[in-house]
């Protein structure tokens, strides 16, 4: 065993409620195990760190083939939510509300609180320069704790030797 600190880096590319939690949960677990954590937010994943979006992440049932009715509290066996039902007005809000309830029931904090826990625990957060430029954003648009806006190349350099997980 070496004395070198283990490193893990997450690339968050999606900004839906269900795609925010994998990196947050795994990052928190890694910090608890003494692993250095870096998270790079790109494309729609920047919604997770965007002050205007962080508390408004949603989960859309349309084309989400893994979303089961039983997970949402409706016992239909293993049937998914039909896409036709998902396009009805209010279904995204309904699915999001149910998902937030399920998240709270297992004791997981909201995304903004989870991010603050990660920052307080030593995780390093970065926004993707190309995505920031494409979307007309600036550092002030992001939550406290985002260290900088960096290029993909910079991210590769700063995470040398890390396990990289793309979400």
N, C-alpha and C. Protein backbone atom coordinates (compact mmCIF):
# COMPACT_ATOMS: atom_id res chain seq x y z
N UNK A 1 0.84 -1.17 0.00
CA UNK A 1 0.00 0.00 0.00
C UNK A 1 0.89 1.24 0.00
N UNK A 2 0.51 2.25 -0.80
CA UNK A 2 1.31 3.47 -0.88
C UNK A 2 0.75 4.53 0.05
N UNK A 3 1.57 5.54 0.28
CA UNK A 3 1.12 6.67 1.11
C UNK A 3 0.39 7.73 0.27
N UNK A 4 0.30 7.50 -1.03
CA UNK A 4 -0.34 8.45 -1.92
C UNK A 4 -1.86 8.47 -1.68
N UNK A 5 -2.43 9.67 -1.62
CA UNK A 5 -3.86 9.83 -1.41
C UNK A 5 -4.63 9.38 -2.65
N UNK A 6 -5.64 8.58 -2.45
CA UNK A 6 -6.51 8.19 -3.57
C UNK A 6 -7.27 9.41 -4.05
N UNK A 7 -7.56 9.44 -5.35
CA UNK A 7 -8.28 10.56 -5.94
C UNK A 7 -9.40 10.03 -6.83
N UNK A 8 -10.53 10.72 -6.78
CA UNK A 8 -11.64 10.40 -7.66
C UNK A 8 -12.20 11.70 -8.22
N UNK A 9 -12.59 11.68 -9.48
CA UNK A 9 -13.15 12.86 -10.12
C UNK A 9 -14.44 12.47 -10.83
N UNK A 10 -15.45 13.29 -10.65
CA UNK A 10 -16.74 13.07 -11.29
C UNK A 10 -16.95 14.14 -12.35
N UNK A 11 -17.48 13.74 -13.48
CA UNK A 11 -17.89 14.68 -14.52
C UNK A 11 -19.41 14.63 -14.55
N UNK A 12 -20.05 15.73 -14.16
CA UNK A 12 -21.52 15.80 -14.15
C UNK A 12 -21.99 16.53 -15.41
N UNK A 13 -22.66 15.79 -16.30
CA UNK A 13 -23.08 16.36 -17.58
C UNK A 13 -24.59 16.52 -17.70
N UNK A 14 -25.33 16.09 -16.70
CA UNK A 14 -26.79 16.17 -16.76
C UNK A 14 -27.31 16.91 -15.53
N UNK A 15 -28.32 17.73 -15.73
CA UNK A 15 -28.82 18.58 -14.65
C UNK A 15 -30.19 18.23 -14.14
N UNK A 16 -30.59 16.97 -14.25
CA UNK A 16 -31.89 16.58 -13.71
C UNK A 16 -31.72 16.15 -12.25
N UNK A 17 -32.81 16.14 -11.52
CA UNK A 17 -32.76 15.80 -10.11
C UNK A 17 -32.14 14.42 -9.88
N UNK A 18 -32.53 13.45 -10.68
CA UNK A 18 -32.01 12.09 -10.49
C UNK A 18 -30.55 11.95 -10.91
N UNK A 19 -30.05 12.84 -11.74
CA UNK A 19 -28.66 12.76 -12.17
C UNK A 19 -27.73 13.61 -11.30
N UNK A 20 -28.30 14.43 -10.42
CA UNK A 20 -27.48 15.22 -9.50
C UNK A 20 -26.94 14.35 -8.37
N UNK A 21 -27.73 13.43 -7.90
CA UNK A 21 -27.38 12.69 -6.69
C UNK A 21 -26.24 11.67 -6.83
N UNK A 22 -26.05 10.99 -7.95
CA UNK A 22 -24.96 10.00 -7.99
C UNK A 22 -23.59 10.56 -7.59
N UNK A 23 -23.20 11.70 -8.16
CA UNK A 23 -21.90 12.27 -7.82
C UNK A 23 -21.88 12.80 -6.39
N UNK A 24 -23.01 13.33 -5.93
CA UNK A 24 -23.06 13.86 -4.56
C UNK A 24 -22.91 12.73 -3.54
N UNK A 25 -23.65 11.67 -3.74
CA UNK A 25 -23.60 10.53 -2.81
C UNK A 25 -22.22 9.87 -2.85
N UNK A 26 -21.73 9.59 -4.06
CA UNK A 26 -20.43 8.94 -4.18
C UNK A 26 -19.30 9.85 -3.70
N UNK A 27 -19.41 11.15 -3.98
CA UNK A 27 -18.40 12.10 -3.52
C UNK A 27 -18.34 12.16 -2.01
N UNK A 28 -19.51 12.17 -1.38
CA UNK A 28 -19.58 12.22 0.09
C UNK A 28 -18.98 10.94 0.69
N UNK A 29 -19.31 9.80 0.08
CA UNK A 29 -18.76 8.53 0.56
C UNK A 29 -17.24 8.51 0.40
N UNK A 30 -16.75 9.04 -0.72
CA UNK A 30 -15.31 9.08 -0.95
C UNK A 30 -14.61 9.97 0.08
N UNK A 31 -15.17 11.15 0.34
CA UNK A 31 -14.57 12.03 1.34
C UNK A 31 -14.50 11.33 2.70
N UNK A 32 -15.56 10.60 3.04
CA UNK A 32 -15.59 9.88 4.30
C UNK A 32 -14.53 8.79 4.39
N UNK A 33 -14.04 8.36 3.24
CA UNK A 33 -12.99 7.35 3.19
C UNK A 33 -11.61 7.95 2.92
N UNK A 34 -11.51 9.27 3.07
CA UNK A 34 -10.22 9.93 2.90
C UNK A 34 -9.75 10.08 1.47
N UNK A 35 -10.69 9.99 0.54
CA UNK A 35 -10.35 10.09 -0.88
C UNK A 35 -10.53 11.54 -1.34
N UNK A 36 -9.57 12.05 -2.10
CA UNK A 36 -9.64 13.40 -2.66
C UNK A 36 -10.73 13.44 -3.74
N UNK A 37 -11.65 14.41 -3.65
CA UNK A 37 -12.80 14.48 -4.56
C UNK A 37 -12.78 15.77 -5.37
N UNK A 38 -12.91 15.63 -6.69
CA UNK A 38 -13.05 16.75 -7.60
C UNK A 38 -14.29 16.50 -8.46
N UNK A 39 -15.10 17.54 -8.65
CA UNK A 39 -16.30 17.41 -9.48
C UNK A 39 -16.28 18.50 -10.54
N UNK A 40 -16.43 18.08 -11.80
CA UNK A 40 -16.41 18.96 -12.97
C UNK A 40 -17.81 18.98 -13.56
N UNK A 41 -18.41 20.15 -13.64
CA UNK A 41 -19.78 20.30 -14.14
C UNK A 41 -19.72 20.83 -15.56
N UNK A 42 -20.36 20.14 -16.49
CA UNK A 42 -20.34 20.52 -17.89
C UNK A 42 -21.73 20.40 -18.49
N UNK A 43 -21.95 21.09 -19.57
CA UNK A 43 -23.24 21.13 -20.25
C UNK A 43 -24.38 21.31 -19.25
N UNK A 44 -25.41 20.47 -19.31
CA UNK A 44 -26.59 20.68 -18.44
C UNK A 44 -26.28 20.36 -16.98
N UNK A 45 -25.18 19.68 -16.72
CA UNK A 45 -24.76 19.42 -15.35
C UNK A 45 -24.49 20.69 -14.57
N UNK A 46 -24.26 21.79 -15.29
CA UNK A 46 -24.02 23.07 -14.62
C UNK A 46 -25.27 23.59 -13.92
N UNK A 47 -26.45 23.05 -14.27
CA UNK A 47 -27.67 23.41 -13.52
C UNK A 47 -27.51 23.07 -12.04
N UNK A 48 -26.73 22.04 -11.74
CA UNK A 48 -26.54 21.58 -10.37
C UNK A 48 -25.82 22.65 -9.53
N UNK A 49 -24.99 23.46 -10.16
CA UNK A 49 -24.24 24.49 -9.43
C UNK A 49 -24.72 25.91 -9.75
N UNK A 50 -25.71 26.02 -10.62
CA UNK A 50 -26.22 27.34 -11.02
C UNK A 50 -27.20 27.84 -9.95
N UNK A 51 -26.92 29.01 -9.38
CA UNK A 51 -27.77 29.58 -8.32
C UNK A 51 -29.24 29.64 -8.72
N UNK A 52 -29.49 29.94 -9.98
CA UNK A 52 -30.88 30.09 -10.45
C UNK A 52 -31.57 28.75 -10.68
N UNK A 53 -30.81 27.66 -10.78
CA UNK A 53 -31.40 26.36 -11.12
C UNK A 53 -31.32 25.32 -10.00
N UNK A 54 -30.36 25.45 -9.10
CA UNK A 54 -30.06 24.40 -8.13
C UNK A 54 -31.28 23.92 -7.34
N UNK A 55 -32.15 24.82 -6.97
CA UNK A 55 -33.32 24.42 -6.19
C UNK A 55 -34.53 24.12 -7.06
N UNK A 56 -34.33 24.05 -8.37
CA UNK A 56 -35.44 23.81 -9.31
C UNK A 56 -35.15 22.66 -10.26
N UNK A 57 -34.25 21.76 -9.88
CA UNK A 57 -33.97 20.60 -10.71
C UNK A 57 -35.20 19.73 -10.77
N UNK A 58 -35.46 19.15 -11.94
CA UNK A 58 -36.66 18.34 -12.13
C UNK A 58 -36.29 16.95 -12.63
N UNK A 59 -37.28 16.10 -12.67
CA UNK A 59 -37.13 14.78 -13.28
C UNK A 59 -38.32 14.59 -14.21
N UNK A 60 -38.04 14.40 -15.48
CA UNK A 60 -39.10 14.24 -16.47
C UNK A 60 -39.38 12.76 -16.71
N UNK A 61 -40.63 12.37 -16.66
CA UNK A 61 -40.95 10.96 -16.91
C UNK A 61 -40.90 10.56 -18.39
N UNK A 62 -40.90 11.53 -19.30
CA UNK A 62 -40.87 11.22 -20.73
C UNK A 62 -39.52 10.63 -21.10
N UNK A 63 -39.55 9.48 -21.75
CA UNK A 63 -38.36 8.78 -22.23
C UNK A 63 -37.47 8.29 -21.09
N UNK A 64 -37.96 8.29 -19.88
CA UNK A 64 -37.21 7.77 -18.74
C UNK A 64 -37.70 6.34 -18.50
N UNK A 65 -37.15 5.43 -19.27
CA UNK A 65 -37.64 4.05 -19.25
C UNK A 65 -37.38 3.32 -17.94
N UNK A 66 -36.49 3.85 -17.13
CA UNK A 66 -36.20 3.21 -15.85
C UNK A 66 -37.15 3.66 -14.74
N UNK A 67 -37.92 4.70 -14.99
CA UNK A 67 -38.82 5.21 -13.95
C UNK A 67 -40.03 4.27 -13.82
N UNK A 68 -40.13 3.64 -12.69
CA UNK A 68 -41.21 2.68 -12.45
C UNK A 68 -42.34 3.33 -11.65
N UNK A 69 -43.56 2.98 -11.99
CA UNK A 69 -44.73 3.50 -11.27
C UNK A 69 -44.65 3.12 -9.80
N UNK A 70 -44.15 1.90 -9.53
CA UNK A 70 -44.09 1.45 -8.13
C UNK A 70 -43.15 2.33 -7.31
N UNK A 71 -42.11 2.86 -7.94
CA UNK A 71 -41.19 3.76 -7.24
C UNK A 71 -41.93 5.03 -6.83
N UNK A 72 -42.91 5.40 -7.62
CA UNK A 72 -43.67 6.61 -7.37
C UNK A 72 -44.89 6.36 -6.48
N UNK A 73 -44.98 5.15 -5.94
CA UNK A 73 -46.06 4.86 -5.00
C UNK A 73 -47.30 4.25 -5.62
N UNK A 74 -47.24 3.91 -6.91
CA UNK A 74 -48.37 3.30 -7.59
C UNK A 74 -48.00 1.85 -7.90
N UNK A 75 -48.73 0.90 -7.33
CA UNK A 75 -48.40 -0.51 -7.50
C UNK A 75 -48.95 -1.04 -8.81
N UNK A 76 -48.05 -1.15 -9.80
CA UNK A 76 -48.43 -1.70 -11.11
C UNK A 76 -47.45 -2.80 -11.52
N UNK A 77 -46.82 -3.41 -10.56
CA UNK A 77 -45.81 -4.41 -10.88
C UNK A 77 -44.54 -3.72 -11.33
N UNK A 78 -43.97 -4.20 -12.41
CA UNK A 78 -42.73 -3.62 -12.91
C UNK A 78 -42.95 -2.72 -14.13
N UNK A 79 -44.16 -2.25 -14.32
CA UNK A 79 -44.44 -1.39 -15.47
C UNK A 79 -43.80 -0.02 -15.30
N UNK A 80 -43.30 0.50 -16.37
CA UNK A 80 -42.78 1.86 -16.35
C UNK A 80 -43.91 2.84 -16.57
N UNK A 81 -43.59 4.12 -16.48
CA UNK A 81 -44.59 5.14 -16.76
C UNK A 81 -44.64 5.29 -18.28
N UNK A 82 -45.78 5.04 -18.90
CA UNK A 82 -45.86 5.16 -20.36
C UNK A 82 -45.53 6.59 -20.79
N UNK A 83 -44.79 6.71 -21.90
CA UNK A 83 -44.43 8.03 -22.40
C UNK A 83 -45.64 8.91 -22.64
N UNK A 84 -46.73 8.33 -23.08
CA UNK A 84 -47.93 9.10 -23.34
C UNK A 84 -48.42 9.82 -22.08
N UNK A 85 -48.36 9.13 -20.94
CA UNK A 85 -48.76 9.73 -19.67
C UNK A 85 -47.77 10.82 -19.27
N UNK A 86 -46.50 10.60 -19.57
CA UNK A 86 -45.47 11.55 -19.19
C UNK A 86 -45.59 12.89 -19.86
N UNK A 87 -46.24 12.95 -21.02
CA UNK A 87 -46.36 14.23 -21.73
C UNK A 87 -47.55 15.06 -21.24
N UNK A 88 -48.38 14.49 -20.39
CA UNK A 88 -49.52 15.25 -19.88
C UNK A 88 -49.04 16.43 -19.05
N UNK A 89 -49.74 17.56 -19.15
CA UNK A 89 -49.35 18.73 -18.35
C UNK A 89 -49.29 18.38 -16.86
N UNK A 90 -48.23 18.81 -16.23
CA UNK A 90 -48.09 18.60 -14.79
C UNK A 90 -47.36 17.33 -14.40
N UNK A 91 -47.08 16.44 -15.35
CA UNK A 91 -46.44 15.17 -14.99
C UNK A 91 -44.99 15.35 -14.54
N UNK A 92 -44.27 16.29 -15.13
CA UNK A 92 -42.90 16.53 -14.69
C UNK A 92 -42.91 17.06 -13.26
N UNK A 93 -43.81 18.01 -12.98
CA UNK A 93 -43.93 18.55 -11.61
C UNK A 93 -44.33 17.44 -10.64
N UNK A 94 -45.25 16.58 -11.06
CA UNK A 94 -45.71 15.48 -10.22
C UNK A 94 -44.56 14.50 -9.93
N UNK A 95 -43.84 14.10 -10.98
CA UNK A 95 -42.72 13.16 -10.81
C UNK A 95 -41.63 13.78 -9.94
N UNK A 96 -41.37 15.07 -10.15
CA UNK A 96 -40.34 15.76 -9.37
C UNK A 96 -40.73 15.81 -7.90
N UNK A 97 -41.99 16.13 -7.64
CA UNK A 97 -42.48 16.19 -6.26
C UNK A 97 -42.35 14.84 -5.57
N UNK A 98 -42.74 13.78 -6.27
CA UNK A 98 -42.63 12.45 -5.69
C UNK A 98 -41.18 12.06 -5.45
N UNK A 99 -40.30 12.41 -6.39
CA UNK A 99 -38.88 12.08 -6.23
C UNK A 99 -38.29 12.84 -5.04
N UNK A 100 -38.62 14.12 -4.90
CA UNK A 100 -38.12 14.89 -3.75
C UNK A 100 -38.59 14.26 -2.44
N UNK A 101 -39.82 13.78 -2.42
CA UNK A 101 -40.36 13.13 -1.22
C UNK A 101 -39.59 11.85 -0.91
N UNK A 102 -39.33 11.05 -1.94
CA UNK A 102 -38.59 9.80 -1.76
C UNK A 102 -37.16 10.08 -1.26
N UNK A 103 -36.53 11.12 -1.81
CA UNK A 103 -35.18 11.50 -1.39
C UNK A 103 -35.19 11.90 0.08
N UNK A 104 -36.16 12.71 0.47
CA UNK A 104 -36.27 13.15 1.87
C UNK A 104 -36.53 11.96 2.80
N UNK A 105 -37.34 11.00 2.35
CA UNK A 105 -37.66 9.84 3.17
C UNK A 105 -36.43 9.00 3.52
N UNK A 106 -35.44 8.97 2.65
CA UNK A 106 -34.23 8.20 2.95
C UNK A 106 -33.19 9.05 3.68
N UNK A 107 -33.54 10.30 3.98
CA UNK A 107 -32.67 11.16 4.77
C UNK A 107 -31.60 11.89 3.99
N UNK A 108 -31.70 11.86 2.67
CA UNK A 108 -30.71 12.58 1.86
C UNK A 108 -31.07 14.07 1.84
N UNK A 109 -30.08 14.92 1.98
CA UNK A 109 -30.35 16.36 1.96
C UNK A 109 -30.65 16.86 0.54
N UNK A 110 -31.25 18.03 0.44
CA UNK A 110 -31.45 18.64 -0.89
C UNK A 110 -30.11 18.88 -1.57
N UNK A 111 -30.13 19.04 -2.88
CA UNK A 111 -28.90 19.20 -3.66
C UNK A 111 -28.03 20.33 -3.13
N UNK A 112 -28.61 21.49 -2.85
CA UNK A 112 -27.80 22.64 -2.39
C UNK A 112 -27.09 22.33 -1.08
N UNK A 113 -27.78 21.66 -0.18
CA UNK A 113 -27.18 21.30 1.11
C UNK A 113 -26.08 20.24 0.91
N UNK A 114 -26.33 19.28 0.03
CA UNK A 114 -25.34 18.24 -0.25
C UNK A 114 -24.07 18.86 -0.81
N UNK A 115 -24.22 19.81 -1.76
CA UNK A 115 -23.05 20.48 -2.32
C UNK A 115 -22.26 21.21 -1.25
N UNK A 116 -22.97 21.89 -0.35
CA UNK A 116 -22.28 22.62 0.72
C UNK A 116 -21.54 21.65 1.63
N UNK A 117 -22.14 20.50 1.92
CA UNK A 117 -21.47 19.48 2.72
C UNK A 117 -20.18 19.03 2.04
N UNK A 118 -20.25 18.82 0.72
CA UNK A 118 -19.07 18.38 -0.02
C UNK A 118 -17.97 19.43 0.02
N UNK A 119 -18.35 20.69 -0.20
CA UNK A 119 -17.37 21.78 -0.17
C UNK A 119 -16.75 21.87 1.23
N UNK A 120 -17.60 21.84 2.26
CA UNK A 120 -17.10 21.90 3.64
C UNK A 120 -16.17 20.72 3.95
N UNK A 121 -16.43 19.58 3.30
CA UNK A 121 -15.61 18.39 3.51
C UNK A 121 -14.33 18.36 2.70
N UNK A 122 -14.17 19.34 1.81
CA UNK A 122 -12.93 19.43 1.04
C UNK A 122 -13.02 19.08 -0.43
N UNK A 123 -14.21 18.79 -0.93
CA UNK A 123 -14.35 18.51 -2.36
C UNK A 123 -14.10 19.78 -3.16
N UNK A 124 -13.54 19.60 -4.34
CA UNK A 124 -13.24 20.73 -5.22
C UNK A 124 -14.23 20.72 -6.38
N UNK A 125 -14.91 21.85 -6.60
CA UNK A 125 -15.92 21.97 -7.65
C UNK A 125 -15.43 22.91 -8.73
N UNK A 126 -15.62 22.50 -10.01
CA UNK A 126 -15.21 23.31 -11.14
C UNK A 126 -16.30 23.32 -12.21
N UNK A 127 -16.42 24.44 -12.92
CA UNK A 127 -17.34 24.54 -14.06
C UNK A 127 -16.52 24.47 -15.34
N UNK A 128 -17.11 23.91 -16.38
CA UNK A 128 -16.47 23.74 -17.68
C UNK A 128 -16.48 25.06 -18.46
N UNK A 129 -15.31 25.52 -18.86
CA UNK A 129 -15.19 26.79 -19.57
C UNK A 129 -15.98 26.81 -20.87
N UNK A 130 -15.87 25.75 -21.68
CA UNK A 130 -16.60 25.73 -22.95
C UNK A 130 -18.10 25.85 -22.73
N UNK A 131 -18.62 25.09 -21.77
CA UNK A 131 -20.06 25.14 -21.48
C UNK A 131 -20.47 26.50 -20.93
N UNK A 132 -19.66 27.07 -20.06
CA UNK A 132 -19.93 28.39 -19.50
C UNK A 132 -20.01 29.42 -20.62
N UNK A 133 -19.03 29.38 -21.53
CA UNK A 133 -19.01 30.31 -22.66
C UNK A 133 -20.21 30.11 -23.57
N UNK A 134 -20.55 28.85 -23.87
CA UNK A 134 -21.69 28.56 -24.75
C UNK A 134 -22.99 29.07 -24.17
N UNK A 135 -23.13 28.98 -22.85
CA UNK A 135 -24.39 29.33 -22.20
C UNK A 135 -24.40 30.77 -21.67
N UNK A 136 -23.33 31.51 -21.90
CA UNK A 136 -23.29 32.90 -21.49
C UNK A 136 -23.30 33.08 -19.97
N UNK A 137 -22.70 32.16 -19.26
CA UNK A 137 -22.66 32.23 -17.80
C UNK A 137 -21.35 32.84 -17.33
N UNK A 138 -21.29 33.16 -16.05
CA UNK A 138 -20.05 33.64 -15.44
C UNK A 138 -19.96 33.08 -14.02
N UNK A 139 -18.81 33.21 -13.40
CA UNK A 139 -18.58 32.60 -12.09
C UNK A 139 -19.62 33.04 -11.06
N UNK A 140 -20.08 34.27 -11.15
CA UNK A 140 -21.08 34.78 -10.20
C UNK A 140 -22.42 34.04 -10.29
N UNK A 141 -22.65 33.32 -11.40
CA UNK A 141 -23.89 32.56 -11.56
C UNK A 141 -23.89 31.27 -10.75
N UNK A 142 -22.72 30.89 -10.24
CA UNK A 142 -22.60 29.60 -9.56
C UNK A 142 -22.62 29.73 -8.05
N UNK A 143 -22.99 28.65 -7.40
CA UNK A 143 -23.06 28.61 -5.95
C UNK A 143 -21.67 28.81 -5.36
N UNK A 144 -21.67 29.26 -4.11
CA UNK A 144 -20.42 29.40 -3.38
C UNK A 144 -19.77 28.02 -3.26
N UNK A 145 -18.49 27.98 -3.48
CA UNK A 145 -17.79 26.70 -3.41
C UNK A 145 -17.24 26.27 -4.75
N UNK A 146 -17.78 26.83 -5.85
CA UNK A 146 -17.20 26.53 -7.16
C UNK A 146 -15.89 27.30 -7.22
N UNK A 147 -14.80 26.58 -7.32
CA UNK A 147 -13.47 27.18 -7.24
C UNK A 147 -13.15 28.04 -8.46
N UNK A 148 -13.46 27.49 -9.64
CA UNK A 148 -13.06 28.20 -10.85
C UNK A 148 -13.79 27.63 -12.06
N UNK A 149 -13.62 28.32 -13.17
CA UNK A 149 -14.09 27.86 -14.47
C UNK A 149 -12.83 27.41 -15.21
N UNK A 150 -12.78 26.14 -15.60
CA UNK A 150 -11.57 25.58 -16.20
C UNK A 150 -11.88 24.85 -17.50
N UNK A 151 -10.86 24.72 -18.32
CA UNK A 151 -11.02 23.96 -19.56
C UNK A 151 -10.99 22.46 -19.27
N UNK A 152 -11.43 21.69 -20.23
CA UNK A 152 -11.37 20.23 -20.08
C UNK A 152 -9.93 19.78 -19.91
N UNK A 153 -9.03 20.42 -20.62
CA UNK A 153 -7.60 20.08 -20.52
C UNK A 153 -7.07 20.38 -19.11
N UNK A 154 -7.47 21.53 -18.56
CA UNK A 154 -7.07 21.86 -17.18
C UNK A 154 -7.58 20.80 -16.21
N UNK A 155 -8.84 20.39 -16.41
CA UNK A 155 -9.43 19.38 -15.54
C UNK A 155 -8.63 18.08 -15.62
N UNK A 156 -8.23 17.67 -16.83
CA UNK A 156 -7.44 16.45 -16.99
C UNK A 156 -6.11 16.58 -16.25
N UNK A 157 -5.49 17.74 -16.35
CA UNK A 157 -4.21 17.95 -15.66
C UNK A 157 -4.38 17.89 -14.15
N UNK A 158 -5.42 18.53 -13.63
CA UNK A 158 -5.57 18.60 -12.18
C UNK A 158 -6.06 17.30 -11.56
N UNK A 159 -6.54 16.38 -12.40
CA UNK A 159 -7.04 15.11 -11.86
C UNK A 159 -6.15 13.94 -12.28
N UNK A 160 -4.92 14.24 -12.64
CA UNK A 160 -3.99 13.18 -13.04
C UNK A 160 -3.91 12.11 -11.94
N UNK A 161 -4.07 10.87 -12.35
CA UNK A 161 -4.00 9.76 -11.41
C UNK A 161 -5.32 9.44 -10.73
N UNK A 162 -6.34 10.25 -10.97
CA UNK A 162 -7.65 10.02 -10.33
C UNK A 162 -8.48 9.03 -11.14
N UNK A 163 -9.36 8.34 -10.45
CA UNK A 163 -10.39 7.58 -11.14
C UNK A 163 -11.39 8.62 -11.64
N UNK A 164 -11.79 8.54 -12.90
CA UNK A 164 -12.73 9.51 -13.45
C UNK A 164 -14.03 8.80 -13.76
N UNK A 165 -15.11 9.35 -13.23
CA UNK A 165 -16.45 8.77 -13.44
C UNK A 165 -17.31 9.80 -14.15
N UNK A 166 -17.85 9.42 -15.30
CA UNK A 166 -18.69 10.31 -16.10
C UNK A 166 -20.16 10.01 -15.81
N UNK A 167 -20.89 11.05 -15.40
CA UNK A 167 -22.31 10.88 -15.09
C UNK A 167 -23.12 11.77 -16.01
